[in-house]
C-alpha atoms as a PDB file:
ATOM      1  CA  THR A   1       0.000   0.000   0.000  1.00  0.00           C
ATOM      2  CA  ASP A   2       2.657   2.475  -1.084  1.00  0.00           C
ATOM      3  CA  ASN A   3       4.710   2.078   2.102  1.00  0.00           C
ATOM      4  CA  THR A   4       1.797   3.168   4.290  1.00  0.00           C
ATOM      5  CA  PRO A   5       1.207   0.807   7.225  1.00  0.00           C
ATOM      6  CA  TRP A   6      -2.145  -0.955   7.267  1.00  0.00           C
ATOM      7  CA  PRO A   7      -4.439  -0.436  10.218  1.00  0.00           C
ATOM      8  CA  GLU A   8      -4.986  -3.490  12.406  1.00  0.00           C
ATOM      9  CA  LEU A   9      -7.175  -6.030  10.627  1.00  0.00           C
ATOM     10  CA  ASP A  10      -9.644  -8.211  12.513  1.00  0.00           C
ATOM     11  CA  ALA A  11     -10.739 -11.049  10.225  1.00  0.00           C
ATOM     12  CA  ALA A  12     -12.253 -14.522  10.442  1.00  0.00           C
ATOM     13  CA  PHE A  13     -12.151 -16.989   7.545  1.00  0.00           C
ATOM     14  CA  ASP A  14     -13.831 -20.390   7.531  1.00  0.00           C
ATOM     15  CA  TRP A  15     -13.311 -22.857   4.673  1.00  0.00           C
ATOM     16  CA  GLN A  16     -15.445 -25.989   4.497  1.00  0.00           C
ATOM     17  CA  PRO A  17     -15.842 -28.517   1.659  1.00  0.00           C
ATOM     18  CA  ASN A  18     -19.253 -27.061   0.811  1.00  0.00           C
ATOM     19  CA  GLY A  19     -18.336 -23.344   1.016  1.00  0.00           C
ATOM     20  CA  TRP A  20     -16.569 -20.533   2.823  1.00  0.00           C
ATOM     21  CA  THR A  21     -17.267 -17.404   4.873  1.00  0.00           C
ATOM     22  CA  LEU A  22     -15.157 -14.319   5.478  1.00  0.00           C
ATOM     23  CA  ASN A  23     -15.891 -11.660   8.094  1.00  0.00           C
ATOM     24  CA  LEU A  24     -13.901  -8.433   8.481  1.00  0.00           C
ATOM     25  CA  SER A  25     -14.519  -5.967  11.280  1.00  0.00           C
ATOM     26  CA  GLN A  26     -13.575  -2.881   9.263  1.00  0.00           C
ATOM     27  CA  LEU A  27     -11.559  -1.626   6.322  1.00  0.00           C
ATOM     28  CA  ASP A  28     -10.293   1.916   5.875  1.00  0.00           C
ATOM     29  CA  ILE A  29     -11.251   2.967   2.339  1.00  0.00           C
ATOM     30  CA  GLU A  30      -8.188   5.204   1.881  1.00  0.00           C
ATOM     31  CA  ALA A  31      -5.891   2.301   2.799  1.00  0.00           C
ATOM     32  CA  LEU A  32      -7.424   0.199  -0.002  1.00  0.00           C
ATOM     33  CA  ILE A  33      -6.882   2.739  -2.792  1.00  0.00           C
ATOM     34  CA  PRO A  34      -3.279   1.681  -3.647  1.00  0.00           C
ATOM     35  CA  LEU A  35      -4.528  -1.876  -4.308  1.00  0.00           C
ATOM     36  CA  ILE A  36      -6.291  -0.646  -7.469  1.00  0.00           C
ATOM     37  CA  LYS A  37      -2.898  -0.665  -9.204  1.00  0.00           C
ATOM     38  CA  LEU A  38      -2.915  -4.473  -8.971  1.00  0.00           C
ATOM     39  CA  ALA A  39      -5.849  -4.707 -11.401  1.00  0.00           C
ATOM     40  CA  PRO A  40      -5.136  -5.003 -15.136  1.00  0.00           C
ATOM     41  CA  GLU A  41      -5.412  -1.726 -17.060  1.00  0.00           C
ATOM     42  CA  SER A  42      -6.038   0.177 -13.840  1.00  0.00           C
ATOM     43  CA  GLU A  43      -4.648   3.589 -14.821  1.00  0.00           C
ATOM     44  CA  SER A  44      -8.009   5.189 -15.711  1.00  0.00           C
ATOM     45  CA  THR A  45      -9.652   3.669 -12.628  1.00  0.00           C
ATOM     46  CA  SER A  46      -6.827   4.957 -10.434  1.00  0.00           C
ATOM     47  CA  ASP A  47      -7.239   8.442 -11.917  1.00  0.00           C
ATOM     48  CA  LEU A  48     -10.982   8.431 -11.197  1.00  0.00           C
ATOM     49  CA  ILE A  49     -10.558   7.145  -7.640  1.00  0.00           C
ATOM     50  CA  ASN A  50      -7.869   9.734  -6.937  1.00  0.00           C
ATOM     51  CA  LYS A  51     -10.198  12.504  -8.181  1.00  0.00           C
ATOM     52  CA  LEU A  52     -13.082  11.237  -6.029  1.00  0.00           C
ATOM     53  CA  ALA A  53     -10.762  10.830  -3.008  1.00  0.00           C
ATOM     54  CA  PRO A  54     -13.070   8.472  -1.071  1.00  0.00           C
ATOM     55  CA  LYS A  55     -12.761   8.387   2.700  1.00  0.00           C
ATOM     56  CA  GLY A  56     -14.435   6.512   5.516  1.00  0.00           C
ATOM     57  CA  ARG A  57     -14.734   2.904   6.586  1.00  0.00           C
ATOM     58  CA  VAL A  58     -16.458  -0.246   5.444  1.00  0.00           C
ATOM     59  CA  GLU A  59     -17.516  -2.091   8.605  1.00  0.00           C
ATOM     60  CA  ASP A  60     -18.967  -5.489   9.468  1.00  0.00           C
ATOM     61  CA  VAL A  61     -18.049  -6.967   6.078  1.00  0.00           C
ATOM     62  CA  ARG A  62     -19.533 -10.431   5.537  1.00  0.00           C
ATOM     63  CA  LEU A  63     -18.903 -12.602   2.481  1.00  0.00           C
ATOM     64  CA  SER A  64     -19.921 -16.187   1.841  1.00  0.00           C
ATOM     65  CA  MET A  65     -20.167 -18.612  -1.049  1.00  0.00           C
ATOM     66  CA  ASN A  66     -21.223 -22.244  -1.161  1.00  0.00           C
ATOM     67  CA  GLY A  67     -21.001 -23.182  -4.808  1.00  0.00           C
ATOM     68  CA  GLY A  68     -20.838 -21.184  -8.009  1.00  0.00           C
ATOM     69  CA  LEU A  69     -20.561 -17.424  -8.261  1.00  0.00           C
ATOM     70  CA  ASP A  70     -24.360 -17.162  -8.144  1.00  0.00           C
ATOM     71  CA  THR A  71     -24.225 -18.259  -4.473  1.00  0.00           C
ATOM     72  CA  LEU A  72     -22.009 -15.324  -3.447  1.00  0.00           C
ATOM     73  CA  ARG A  73     -23.609 -13.354  -0.600  1.00  0.00           C
ATOM     74  CA  TYR A  74     -22.255 -10.201   0.970  1.00  0.00           C
ATOM     75  CA  SER A  75     -23.157  -7.347   3.281  1.00  0.00           C
ATOM     76  CA  ALA A  76     -21.376  -4.382   4.824  1.00  0.00           C
ATOM     77  CA  GLU A  77     -21.992  -1.089   6.567  1.00  0.00           C
ATOM     78  CA  LEU A  78     -20.491   2.232   5.478  1.00  0.00           C
ATOM     79  CA  ASP A  79     -19.311   4.677   8.140  1.00  0.00           C
ATOM     80  CA  GLU A  80     -18.327   8.310   7.572  1.00  0.00           C
ATOM     81  CA  LEU A  81     -18.270   7.800   3.796  1.00  0.00           C
ATOM     82  CA  ALA A  82     -17.197  10.907   1.880  1.00  0.00           C
ATOM     83  CA  MET A  83     -16.018  11.809  -1.628  1.00  0.00           C
ATOM     84  CA  THR A  84     -14.955  15.086  -3.190  1.00  0.00           C
END
């Protein structure tokens, strides 16, 4: 993340033969921005995100899947979300 330390991450991951679940307590949106560079052809996306300058947190993130992509379930709460 561009030499910026990550905040403490509280996560729980459970993998079973019939599916998986992932729970994260919170993610700082600004800390995630440098990860966009890992995506293919990310330059235009990076430019847009940098212009929007999102801030805030994604909290109580819950992901699960127990088969194909159509079984993916997710939820999260946004806290102090802001963009310019």
